[in-house]
Amino acid sequence: MTSLKKNDRQEALYHRHVYRPWGKYDSIDQGHRYQVKRITVKPGARLSLQKHHHRAEHWIVVKGTALVTRGSDQVLLSENESTYIPLGCTHRLENPGKVMLELIEVQSGAYLGEDDIVRFEDTYGRVEEALES
């Protein structure tokens, strides 16, 4: 048995780098009621229109430009700008630019699992998948 399994570490089950059709994320750090990810979004790509029941998110743009949908509002964020996505708020992240979008996401809340995503629209056909689970 590996030391990761013996010590009941999540890395034994989940890789820190997760690839998606829109880009990837890297789980940098996590603790009780928080998680930090580095998210990279390909030029022209966008994540699903979604919401979370158990977590809020803070996004800080490190490189590129982000088009953020938050409720009925849209805002364009540049490097060193940030936004807050409250728990239960419908939101989407898009990269309208020609370079990779890189941002830091800080999640906070009672539950931070990937299955706390309710998708409403998705370019990659994952709406039905999310609603079934």
Protein backbone atom coordinates (compact mmCIF):
# COMPACT_ATOMS: atom_id res chain seq x y z
CA MET A 1 0.00 0.00 0.00
CA THR A 2 1.34 3.42 -0.90
CA SER A 3 1.95 6.05 1.75
CA LEU A 4 -0.75 8.22 0.12
CA LYS A 5 -3.36 5.51 0.71
CA LYS A 6 -2.03 4.70 4.17
CA ASN A 7 -2.32 8.36 5.17
CA ASP A 8 -5.80 8.60 3.61
CA ARG A 9 -4.68 11.33 1.19
CA GLN A 10 -7.04 12.47 -1.61
CA GLU A 11 -4.14 12.39 -4.06
CA ALA A 12 -4.40 8.59 -3.98
CA LEU A 13 -7.80 8.90 -5.72
CA TYR A 14 -7.79 12.28 -7.50
CA HIS A 15 -5.12 13.92 -9.62
CA ARG A 16 -4.40 17.55 -8.82
CA HIS A 17 -4.56 18.51 -12.54
CA VAL A 18 -8.01 18.02 -14.09
CA TYR A 19 -8.55 18.55 -17.83
CA ARG A 20 -11.87 19.77 -19.23
CA PRO A 21 -13.00 20.67 -22.79
CA TRP A 22 -12.57 24.39 -21.96
CA GLY A 23 -9.09 24.06 -20.39
CA LYS A 24 -7.93 22.74 -17.02
CA TYR A 25 -7.66 23.38 -13.32
CA ASP A 26 -4.99 22.64 -10.75
CA SER A 27 -6.04 22.12 -7.14
CA ILE A 28 -3.38 24.17 -5.37
CA ASP A 29 -4.53 23.96 -1.75
CA GLN A 30 -7.47 22.94 0.37
CA GLY A 31 -8.51 22.85 3.97
CA HIS A 32 -11.59 22.87 6.14
CA ARG A 33 -14.24 24.96 4.27
CA TYR A 34 -11.89 26.31 1.54
CA GLN A 35 -10.20 25.21 -1.67
CA VAL A 36 -7.85 27.08 -4.02
CA LYS A 37 -7.56 26.30 -7.75
CA ARG A 38 -5.53 27.71 -10.63
CA ILE A 39 -7.87 27.71 -13.64
CA THR A 40 -6.73 27.99 -17.26
CA VAL A 41 -9.34 28.68 -19.98
CA LYS A 42 -8.54 28.32 -23.69
CA PRO A 43 -9.10 31.33 -25.99
CA GLY A 44 -12.76 31.48 -27.06
CA ALA A 45 -13.81 28.81 -24.55
CA ARG A 46 -16.33 29.09 -21.73
CA LEU A 47 -17.47 27.11 -18.73
CA SER A 48 -21.09 26.11 -18.22
CA LEU A 49 -23.71 28.50 -16.88
CA GLN A 50 -24.00 27.10 -13.37
CA LYS A 51 -24.61 27.62 -9.68
CA HIS A 52 -23.57 26.01 -6.40
CA HIS A 53 -25.73 25.31 -3.35
CA HIS A 54 -22.91 25.01 -0.81
CA ARG A 55 -20.05 27.31 -1.84
CA ALA A 56 -19.15 30.83 -2.87
CA GLU A 57 -16.21 31.66 -5.16
CA HIS A 58 -13.69 34.48 -5.51
CA TRP A 59 -11.94 34.82 -8.89
CA ILE A 60 -8.71 36.78 -9.44
CA VAL A 61 -7.47 37.20 -13.03
CA VAL A 62 -3.73 36.55 -13.31
CA LYS A 63 -3.35 36.64 -17.11
CA GLY A 64 -5.69 37.48 -19.98
CA THR A 65 -9.24 38.76 -19.96
CA ALA A 66 -12.31 37.14 -18.39
CA LEU A 67 -15.93 37.73 -19.31
CA VAL A 68 -17.90 36.93 -16.15
CA THR A 69 -21.64 36.39 -16.04
CA ARG A 70 -22.96 36.85 -12.50
CA GLY A 71 -26.74 36.66 -12.27
CA SER A 72 -28.08 38.97 -15.01
CA ASP A 73 -24.89 41.10 -15.09
CA GLN A 74 -21.79 40.68 -17.23
CA VAL A 75 -18.40 42.20 -16.43
CA LEU A 76 -15.07 42.15 -18.27
CA LEU A 77 -12.10 41.59 -15.97
CA SER A 78 -8.44 42.21 -16.82
CA GLU A 79 -5.24 41.15 -15.08
CA ASN A 80 -5.18 41.91 -11.34
CA GLU A 81 -8.97 42.41 -11.18
CA SER A 82 -11.32 40.16 -9.24
CA THR A 83 -14.96 39.29 -8.61
CA TYR A 84 -17.05 37.49 -6.01
CA ILE A 85 -19.66 34.85 -6.87
CA PRO A 86 -22.07 34.44 -3.92
CA LEU A 87 -23.46 31.06 -2.95
CA GLY A 88 -26.51 30.23 -5.11
CA CYS A 89 -25.73 32.84 -7.79
CA THR A 90 -25.92 31.70 -11.43
CA HIS A 91 -22.55 32.36 -13.09
CA ARG A 92 -20.27 31.63 -16.04
CA LEU A 93 -16.61 32.23 -16.90
CA GLU A 94 -15.53 32.89 -20.49
CA ASN A 95 -12.29 33.73 -22.27
CA PRO A 96 -13.13 36.24 -25.03
CA GLY A 97 -9.44 36.87 -25.76
CA LYS A 98 -6.76 35.38 -27.98
CA VAL A 99 -4.41 34.29 -25.16
CA MET A 100 -4.95 31.76 -22.39
CA LEU A 101 -6.94 33.07 -19.43
CA GLU A 102 -5.40 32.21 -16.08
CA LEU A 103 -7.10 32.90 -12.78
CA ILE A 104 -7.03 31.88 -9.16
CA GLU A 105 -10.31 30.64 -7.72
CA VAL A 106 -10.88 30.52 -3.98
CA GLN A 107 -13.90 28.45 -2.99
CA SER A 108 -15.37 28.69 0.49
CA GLY A 109 -18.33 26.95 2.05
CA ALA A 110 -19.70 23.96 3.86
CA TYR A 111 -19.20 21.53 0.93
CA LEU A 112 -16.68 21.89 -1.92
CA GLY A 113 -17.20 18.72 -4.00
CA GLU A 114 -17.41 18.85 -7.80
CA ASP A 115 -20.91 17.34 -7.59
CA ASP A 116 -22.21 20.66 -6.18
CA ILE A 117 -22.55 22.02 -9.72
CA VAL A 118 -26.02 22.65 -11.17
CA ARG A 119 -25.57 23.31 -14.91
CA PHE A 120 -28.13 25.31 -16.91
CA GLU A 121 -26.30 25.70 -20.25
CA ASP A 122 -23.18 23.95 -21.45
CA THR A 123 -21.34 24.16 -24.77
CA TYR A 124 -20.02 20.62 -24.24
CA GLY A 125 -23.33 18.80 -23.62
CA ARG A 126 -22.95 18.27 -19.86
CA VAL A 127 -26.30 19.77 -18.76
CA GLU A 128 -28.25 16.49 -18.83
CA GLU A 129 -25.37 14.68 -17.10
CA ALA A 130 -25.40 17.16 -14.22
CA LEU A 131 -29.18 17.19 -13.85
CA GLU A 132 -29.35 13.38 -13.70
CA SER A 133 -26.92 13.08 -10.80
